[in-house]
Every structure is written in C-alpha cells, then in structure tokens.
N, C-alpha and C. Protein backbone atom coordinates (compact mmCIF):
# COMPACT_ATOMS: atom_id res chain seq x y z
N MET A 1 0.78 -0.88 -0.24
CA MET A 1 0.23 -0.22 -0.40
C MET A 1 1.11 1.43 -0.11
N ALA A 2 0.16 2.54 -0.50
CA ALA A 2 1.31 3.53 -0.63
C ALA A 2 0.77 4.22 0.05
N ALA A 3 1.59 5.82 0.73
CA ALA A 3 0.96 5.85 1.92
C ALA A 3 0.71 7.20 1.05
N THR A 4 -0.29 7.84 1.54
CA THR A 4 -0.75 9.67 0.56
C THR A 4 -1.05 10.44 2.24
N ASP A 5 -0.64 11.04 1.77
CA ASP A 5 -1.00 12.66 2.22
C ASP A 5 -1.87 13.32 1.65
N GLU A 6 -2.70 13.02 0.94
CA GLU A 6 -4.03 13.72 0.25
C GLU A 6 -5.12 13.56 1.39
N GLN A 7 -5.68 14.40 1.08
CA GLN A 7 -6.96 14.37 1.76
C GLN A 7 -8.30 14.72 0.80
N PRO A 8 -9.18 13.74 1.32
CA PRO A 8 -10.29 13.85 0.30
C PRO A 8 -10.69 15.58 0.08
N THR A 9 -11.33 16.03 -1.33
CA THR A 9 -12.09 16.73 -1.52
C THR A 9 -13.22 16.95 -1.13
N VAL A 10 -14.48 17.46 0.19
CA VAL A 10 -15.66 17.69 0.19
C VAL A 10 -16.29 18.58 -0.27
N LYS A 11 -17.06 19.11 -1.49
CA LYS A 11 -17.82 19.78 -1.52
C LYS A 11 -19.34 20.05 -1.01
N LEU A 12 -20.10 20.80 -1.19
CA LEU A 12 -21.83 20.91 -0.71
C LEU A 12 -21.70 21.31 -2.05
N VAL A 13 -22.91 20.78 -2.31
CA VAL A 13 -24.15 21.13 -4.06
C VAL A 13 -25.55 20.75 -3.32
N VAL A 14 -25.73 21.75 -4.11
CA VAL A 14 -27.31 21.65 -4.01
C VAL A 14 -27.95 21.39 -5.14
N HIS A 15 -28.94 21.54 -4.92
CA HIS A 15 -30.25 21.68 -6.41
C HIS A 15 -30.78 22.90 -6.38
N CYS A 16 -30.90 23.75 -7.95
CA CYS A 16 -31.82 24.76 -7.49
C CYS A 16 -33.20 24.50 -7.46
N ARG A 17 -33.80 25.84 -6.30
CA ARG A 17 -35.02 25.47 -6.57
C ARG A 17 -35.92 25.91 -7.45
N ARG A 18 -35.67 26.57 -8.27
CA ARG A 18 -36.63 26.54 -9.87
C ARG A 18 -35.86 25.60 -11.06
N CYS A 19 -34.53 25.15 -11.16
CA CYS A 19 -35.01 24.02 -12.16
C CYS A 19 -34.05 22.97 -12.11
N HIS A 20 -33.30 23.15 -11.17
CA HIS A 20 -33.53 21.15 -10.26
C HIS A 20 -32.31 21.13 -11.26
N GLY A 21 -31.41 22.14 -11.33
CA GLY A 21 -29.83 21.90 -11.94
C GLY A 21 -28.77 21.83 -10.35
N TRP A 22 -27.81 21.53 -11.06
CA TRP A 22 -26.64 21.43 -9.47
C TRP A 22 -25.78 22.66 -9.75
N LEU A 23 -26.21 23.61 -8.29
CA LEU A 23 -25.87 24.53 -7.78
C LEU A 23 -24.41 24.07 -6.68
N LEU A 24 -23.03 25.29 -7.77
CA LEU A 24 -21.60 24.82 -7.09
C LEU A 24 -21.38 25.81 -6.48
N ALA A 25 -21.77 27.12 -6.81
CA ALA A 25 -21.22 28.29 -6.33
C ALA A 25 -21.81 28.67 -5.33
N ALA A 26 -20.72 28.31 -4.18
CA ALA A 26 -20.71 29.06 -2.54
C ALA A 26 -21.96 29.98 -2.94
N ALA A 27 -21.92 31.01 -3.46
CA ALA A 27 -23.12 32.10 -3.46
C ALA A 27 -24.56 31.65 -3.65
N SER A 28 -24.36 30.69 -5.23
CA SER A 28 -25.34 29.89 -5.27
C SER A 28 -26.47 28.79 -4.66
N VAL A 29 -25.23 27.78 -3.65
CA VAL A 29 -25.83 27.22 -2.74
C VAL A 29 -26.41 27.30 -1.53
N SER A 30 -25.76 29.11 -1.26
CA SER A 30 -26.39 29.08 0.61
C SER A 30 -27.36 30.10 -0.12
N ALA A 31 -27.83 30.44 -1.81
CA ALA A 31 -29.29 31.48 -2.03
C ALA A 31 -30.61 30.17 -2.13
N GLY A 32 -29.72 29.06 -2.77
CA GLY A 32 -30.39 27.55 -3.01
C GLY A 32 -31.29 28.19 -4.21
N ILE A 33 -30.31 28.95 -4.86
CA ILE A 33 -30.80 29.10 -6.57
C ILE A 33 -29.67 29.53 -7.74
N GLY A 34 -29.49 29.24 -8.23
CA GLY A 34 -28.67 30.07 -9.76
C GLY A 34 -28.69 31.33 -10.12
N PRO A 35 -27.52 31.71 -10.73
CA PRO A 35 -27.78 33.19 -10.88
C PRO A 35 -28.85 33.21 -12.75
N ARG A 36 -28.50 32.75 -13.35
CA ARG A 36 -29.79 32.77 -14.71
C ARG A 36 -31.24 32.95 -13.91
N CYS A 37 -31.32 31.69 -12.85
CA CYS A 37 -32.82 31.17 -12.49
C CYS A 37 -33.29 32.82 -11.48
N ALA A 38 -31.91 32.99 -10.83
CA ALA A 38 -32.67 34.50 -9.91
C ALA A 38 -32.67 35.70 -10.93
N ILE A 39 -32.40 35.77 -12.15
CA ILE A 39 -32.84 36.71 -12.62
C ILE A 39 -34.26 36.59 -13.12
N ALA A 40 -34.05 35.36 -14.37
CA ALA A 40 -36.09 34.58 -14.22
C ALA A 40 -37.08 35.48 -13.23
N GLU A 41 -36.37 34.68 -12.01
CA GLU A 41 -37.60 35.28 -11.12
C GLU A 41 -37.38 36.44 -10.48
N ARG A 42 -36.75 36.89 -10.86
CA ARG A 42 -36.47 38.74 -9.85
C ARG A 42 -37.70 39.48 -11.31
N ALA A 43 -37.54 38.82 -12.77
CA ALA A 43 -38.05 38.99 -13.72
C ALA A 43 -39.72 39.24 -13.75
N GLU A 44 -39.75 37.24 -13.50
CA GLU A 44 -41.51 37.19 -13.25
C GLU A 44 -41.76 38.00 -11.54
N GLN A 45 -41.11 38.54 -11.09
CA GLN A 45 -42.08 39.19 -9.32
C GLN A 45 -42.42 40.39 -9.84
N ARG A 46 -41.27 40.99 -10.70
CA ARG A 46 -41.57 42.53 -11.36
C ARG A 46 -42.51 42.96 -12.55
N ALA A 47 -42.91 41.73 -13.25
CA ALA A 47 -44.12 41.49 -14.03
C ALA A 47 -45.17 41.52 -13.08
N ALA A 48 -44.90 40.84 -12.89
CA ALA A 48 -46.53 40.60 -11.47
C ALA A 48 -46.77 41.71 -10.65
N ALA A 49 -45.67 42.11 -10.15
CA ALA A 49 -46.25 43.39 -9.73
C ALA A 49 -46.92 44.25 -10.78
N ALA A 50 -46.28 44.61 -11.32
CA ALA A 50 -46.58 45.65 -12.64
C ALA A 50 -48.05 45.47 -13.26
N ARG A 51 -48.72 44.13 -13.27
CA ARG A 51 -50.25 43.45 -13.49
C ARG A 51 -51.17 44.87 -13.42
N PRO A 52 -51.75 45.15 -14.03
CA PRO A 52 -52.96 45.91 -14.06
C PRO A 52 -53.47 45.02 -12.73
N LEU A 53 -54.64 45.23 -11.66
CA LEU A 53 -55.78 45.43 -11.03
C LEU A 53 -57.00 44.92 -11.76
N THR A 54 -57.15 43.70 -11.98
CA THR A 54 -58.70 43.23 -12.33
C THR A 54 -59.98 43.59 -11.85
N LEU A 55 -60.63 42.95 -12.05
CA LEU A 55 -62.63 43.00 -10.42
C LEU A 55 -62.42 41.88 -10.13
N PHE A 56 -61.74 40.50 -10.73
CA PHE A 56 -61.19 39.27 -10.00
C PHE A 56 -60.08 39.55 -8.86
N ASP A 57 -59.51 40.58 -8.53
CA ASP A 57 -58.42 41.10 -7.95
C ASP A 57 -59.13 41.98 -6.74
N VAL A 58 -59.90 42.45 -7.12
CA VAL A 58 -60.64 43.62 -5.82
C VAL A 58 -61.87 42.51 -5.34
N ALA A 59 -61.99 41.59 -5.78
CA ALA A 59 -62.91 40.68 -5.02
C ALA A 59 -62.55 40.13 -3.91
N ALA A 60 -61.46 39.32 -4.46
CA ALA A 60 -60.69 38.65 -3.80
C ALA A 60 -60.05 39.02 -2.10
C-alpha cells in the first residue's frame, strides 16, 4: 500500500429550487438558486407586480 498525504475534497452541492440543476458556487448554494434562475425569478416578480388589477383581484 502506498501512503498518501492527500485528503479527500468535500464540496457541498444542492439543486436549484427553480430548475433543479446542480449548484456548485458557494453563493448559489447559500441562496438556493442559480444566477440565471434568480434573474428570471426577479423578472417574473416585477412583471406580476406591474400587472394591472382586475375586478377579480379586487373581489378577492
């Protein structure tokens, strides 16, 4: 047996909450969403906020 001083590398990876792709970057892992999905999610939120109210929205 050969003696090695190498230690195994452990990296935390998670799935994106939006597209379920693998997240590798530390910032993405902590946020739970990838950068592309975060941009798309913010755009959808802005579009939903800018949507005009209808009578159905007022009644609810």
